[in-house]
């Protein structure tokens, strides 16, 4: 997902793989593997910001947030902002079961509804 996301933006900007890697100071062979999903995405914040800079993605924008989230997802990492929130962490098992179509308990649904209401 991450590699496809970045590649799509790179292609829209008409930046070749080699030029992108030159500007981002990365190895073209390894980056090609990331774009094809054969290697896990980079996780270093400075490297991600450099990639965003090369692609013209504003740090803090929705596109930036999506790019970071996709990098985390593809690497199998729960983002720091999620891990640091104890209430969200408690709800994750129920969330995972729900999206897998496993029926949550009434108590779990009530907790989720309460959490959603707090977010508003």
C-alpha atoms as a PDB file:
ATOM      1  CA  UNK A   1       0.000   0.000   0.000  1.00  0.00           C
ATOM      2  CA  UNK A   2       2.728   2.476   1.005  1.00  0.00           C
ATOM      3  CA  UNK A   3       4.896   1.765  -2.019  1.00  0.00           C
ATOM      4  CA  UNK A   4       1.962   2.051  -4.398  1.00  0.00           C
ATOM      5  CA  UNK A   5       0.882   5.289  -2.721  1.00  0.00           C
ATOM      6  CA  UNK A   6       4.313   6.904  -3.083  1.00  0.00           C
ATOM      7  CA  UNK A   7       4.802   5.567  -6.610  1.00  0.00           C
ATOM      8  CA  UNK A   8       1.466   6.993  -7.712  1.00  0.00           C
ATOM      9  CA  UNK A   9       2.399  10.459  -6.438  1.00  0.00           C
ATOM     10  CA  UNK A  10       5.892  10.169  -7.931  1.00  0.00           C
ATOM     11  CA  UNK A  11       4.446   9.227 -11.330  1.00  0.00           C
ATOM     12  CA  UNK A  12       1.887  12.076 -11.229  1.00  0.00           C
ATOM     13  CA  UNK A  13       4.759  14.472 -10.580  1.00  0.00           C
ATOM     14  CA  UNK A  14       6.601  12.860 -13.512  1.00  0.00           C
ATOM     15  CA  UNK A  15       9.649  12.032 -11.390  1.00  0.00           C
ATOM     16  CA  UNK A  16      11.561   8.992 -12.596  1.00  0.00           C
ATOM     17  CA  UNK A  17      12.599   6.343 -10.112  1.00  0.00           C
ATOM     18  CA  UNK A  18      16.268   7.235 -10.539  1.00  0.00           C
ATOM     19  CA  UNK A  19      15.653  10.969 -10.162  1.00  0.00           C
ATOM     20  CA  UNK A  20      13.463  10.399  -7.108  1.00  0.00           C
ATOM     21  CA  UNK A  21      16.144   8.246  -5.483  1.00  0.00           C
ATOM     22  CA  UNK A  22      18.841  10.782  -6.326  1.00  0.00           C
ATOM     23  CA  UNK A  23      16.852  13.619  -4.724  1.00  0.00           C
ATOM     24  CA  UNK A  24      15.834  11.484  -1.730  1.00  0.00           C
ATOM     25  CA  UNK A  25      19.374  10.108  -1.373  1.00  0.00           C
ATOM     26  CA  UNK A  26      18.273   6.483  -1.526  1.00  0.00           C
ATOM     27  CA  UNK A  27      19.369   3.355  -3.363  1.00  0.00           C
ATOM     28  CA  UNK A  28      17.202   2.879  -6.471  1.00  0.00           C
ATOM     29  CA  UNK A  29      17.251  -0.922  -6.227  1.00  0.00           C
ATOM     30  CA  UNK A  30      16.007  -0.934  -2.634  1.00  0.00           C
ATOM     31  CA  UNK A  31      13.453   1.780  -3.305  1.00  0.00           C
ATOM     32  CA  UNK A  32      12.084  -0.182  -6.255  1.00  0.00           C
ATOM     33  CA  UNK A  33      11.533  -3.103  -3.882  1.00  0.00           C
ATOM     34  CA  UNK A  34       9.680  -0.821  -1.456  1.00  0.00           C
ATOM     35  CA  UNK A  35       7.419   0.437  -4.240  1.00  0.00           C
ATOM     36  CA  UNK A  36       6.658  -3.160  -5.232  1.00  0.00           C
ATOM     37  CA  UNK A  37       5.965  -4.176  -1.623  1.00  0.00           C
ATOM     38  CA  UNK A  38       8.956  -6.518  -1.425  1.00  0.00           C
ATOM     39  CA  UNK A  39      10.677  -4.524   1.318  1.00  0.00           C
ATOM     40  CA  UNK A  40       9.108  -2.877   4.352  1.00  0.00           C
ATOM     41  CA  UNK A  41       8.794   0.905   4.178  1.00  0.00           C
ATOM     42  CA  UNK A  42      11.269   3.183   5.876  1.00  0.00           C
ATOM     43  CA  UNK A  43      10.269   4.209   9.394  1.00  0.00           C
ATOM     44  CA  UNK A  44      12.823   6.907  10.149  1.00  0.00           C
ATOM     45  CA  UNK A  45      10.928  10.195  10.531  1.00  0.00           C
ATOM     46  CA  UNK A  46      13.657  12.255   8.827  1.00  0.00           C
ATOM     47  CA  UNK A  47      13.721   9.907   5.838  1.00  0.00           C
ATOM     48  CA  UNK A  48       9.935  10.012   5.552  1.00  0.00           C
ATOM     49  CA  UNK A  49      10.063  13.813   5.657  1.00  0.00           C
ATOM     50  CA  UNK A  50      12.717  13.799   2.956  1.00  0.00           C
ATOM     51  CA  UNK A  51      10.521  11.593   0.768  1.00  0.00           C
ATOM     52  CA  UNK A  52       7.614  13.976   1.368  1.00  0.00           C
ATOM     53  CA  UNK A  53       9.813  16.946   0.442  1.00  0.00           C
ATOM     54  CA  UNK A  54      10.860  15.327  -2.846  1.00  0.00           C
ATOM     55  CA  UNK A  55       7.215  14.580  -3.647  1.00  0.00           C
ATOM     56  CA  UNK A  56       6.005  18.047  -2.644  1.00  0.00           C
ATOM     57  CA  UNK A  57       3.933  16.737   0.262  1.00  0.00           C
ATOM     58  CA  UNK A  58       3.451  19.290   3.030  1.00  0.00           C
ATOM     59  CA  UNK A  59       4.378  17.939   6.469  1.00  0.00           C
ATOM     60  CA  UNK A  60       1.239  17.781   8.605  1.00  0.00           C
ATOM     61  CA  UNK A  61      -1.124  17.614   5.613  1.00  0.00           C
ATOM     62  CA  UNK A  62      -3.659  14.826   5.180  1.00  0.00           C
ATOM     63  CA  UNK A  63      -1.447  13.346   2.452  1.00  0.00           C
ATOM     64  CA  UNK A  64       1.533  13.361   4.851  1.00  0.00           C
ATOM     65  CA  UNK A  65      -0.531  11.643   7.553  1.00  0.00           C
ATOM     66  CA  UNK A  66      -1.771   9.040   5.089  1.00  0.00           C
ATOM     67  CA  UNK A  67       1.774   8.383   3.877  1.00  0.00           C
ATOM     68  CA  UNK A  68       3.027   7.861   7.454  1.00  0.00           C
ATOM     69  CA  UNK A  69       0.065   5.653   8.357  1.00  0.00           C
ATOM     70  CA  UNK A  70       0.609   3.484   5.275  1.00  0.00           C
ATOM     71  CA  UNK A  71       4.309   3.149   6.144  1.00  0.00           C
ATOM     72  CA  UNK A  72       3.326   1.972   9.625  1.00  0.00           C
ATOM     73  CA  UNK A  73       0.657  -0.406   8.343  1.00  0.00           C
ATOM     74  CA  UNK A  74       2.957  -2.021   5.787  1.00  0.00           C
ATOM     75  CA  UNK A  75       5.647  -2.440   8.452  1.00  0.00           C
ATOM     76  CA  UNK A  76       3.112  -3.962  10.872  1.00  0.00           C
ATOM     77  CA  UNK A  77       3.545  -1.140  13.375  1.00  0.00           C
ATOM     78  CA  UNK A  78       0.889   0.503  15.515  1.00  0.00           C
ATOM     79  CA  UNK A  79       1.524   4.269  15.253  1.00  0.00           C
ATOM     80  CA  UNK A  80       2.927   6.063  18.321  1.00  0.00           C
ATOM     81  CA  UNK A  81      -0.134   8.266  18.755  1.00  0.00           C
ATOM     82  CA  UNK A  82      -2.336   5.153  18.966  1.00  0.00           C
ATOM     83  CA  UNK A  83       0.044   3.250  21.260  1.00  0.00           C
ATOM     84  CA  UNK A  84       0.263   6.181  23.649  1.00  0.00           C
ATOM     85  CA  UNK A  85      -3.519   6.326  24.206  1.00  0.00           C
ATOM     86  CA  UNK A  86      -4.496   3.678  26.777  1.00  0.00           C
ATOM     87  CA  UNK A  87      -8.212   3.907  25.972  1.00  0.00           C
ATOM     88  CA  UNK A  88      -7.673   3.320  22.273  1.00  0.00           C
ATOM     89  CA  UNK A  89      -5.329   0.415  22.988  1.00  0.00           C
ATOM     90  CA  UNK A  90      -8.007  -1.242  25.109  1.00  0.00           C
ATOM     91  CA  UNK A  91     -10.469  -0.947  22.219  1.00  0.00           C
ATOM     92  CA  UNK A  92      -8.155  -2.356  19.538  1.00  0.00           C
ATOM     93  CA  UNK A  93      -8.934  -6.060  20.115  1.00  0.00           C
ATOM     94  CA  UNK A  94     -12.650  -5.348  19.778  1.00  0.00           C
ATOM     95  CA  UNK A  95     -12.020  -3.206  16.717  1.00  0.00           C
ATOM     96  CA  UNK A  96      -9.993  -5.979  15.078  1.00  0.00           C
ATOM     97  CA  UNK A  97     -12.702  -8.549  15.774  1.00  0.00           C
ATOM     98  CA  UNK A  98     -15.355  -6.182  14.443  1.00  0.00           C
ATOM     99  CA  UNK A  99     -13.604  -5.552  11.136  1.00  0.00           C
ATOM    100  CA  UNK A 100     -13.072  -9.308  10.816  1.00  0.00           C
ATOM    101  CA  UNK A 101     -16.852  -9.661  11.179  1.00  0.00           C
ATOM    102  CA  UNK A 102     -16.541 -11.318  14.606  1.00  0.00           C
ATOM    103  CA  UNK A 103     -19.454 -10.116  16.673  1.00  0.00           C
ATOM    104  CA  UNK A 104     -18.361  -7.936  19.645  1.00  0.00           C
ATOM    105  CA  UNK A 105     -20.075  -8.266  22.999  1.00  0.00           C
ATOM    106  CA  UNK A 106     -22.687  -5.706  24.104  1.00  0.00           C
ATOM    107  CA  UNK A 107     -20.228  -4.393  26.676  1.00  0.00           C
ATOM    108  CA  UNK A 108     -17.537  -3.924  24.026  1.00  0.00           C
ATOM    109  CA  UNK A 109     -19.976  -2.071  21.777  1.00  0.00           C
ATOM    110  CA  UNK A 110     -20.939   0.229  24.643  1.00  0.00           C
ATOM    111  CA  UNK A 111     -17.275   1.018  25.310  1.00  0.00           C
ATOM    112  CA  UNK A 112     -16.697   1.779  21.643  1.00  0.00           C
ATOM    113  CA  UNK A 113     -19.749   4.050  21.503  1.00  0.00           C
ATOM    114  CA  UNK A 114     -18.521   5.893  24.604  1.00  0.00           C
ATOM    115  CA  UNK A 115     -15.095   6.370  23.033  1.00  0.00           C
ATOM    116  CA  UNK A 116     -16.608   7.720  19.831  1.00  0.00           C
ATOM    117  CA  UNK A 117     -18.793  10.148  21.753  1.00  0.00           C
ATOM    118  CA  UNK A 118     -15.736  11.442  23.653  1.00  0.00           C
ATOM    119  CA  UNK A 119     -13.999  12.187  20.341  1.00  0.00           C
ATOM    120  CA  UNK A 120     -16.805  14.560  19.247  1.00  0.00           C
END
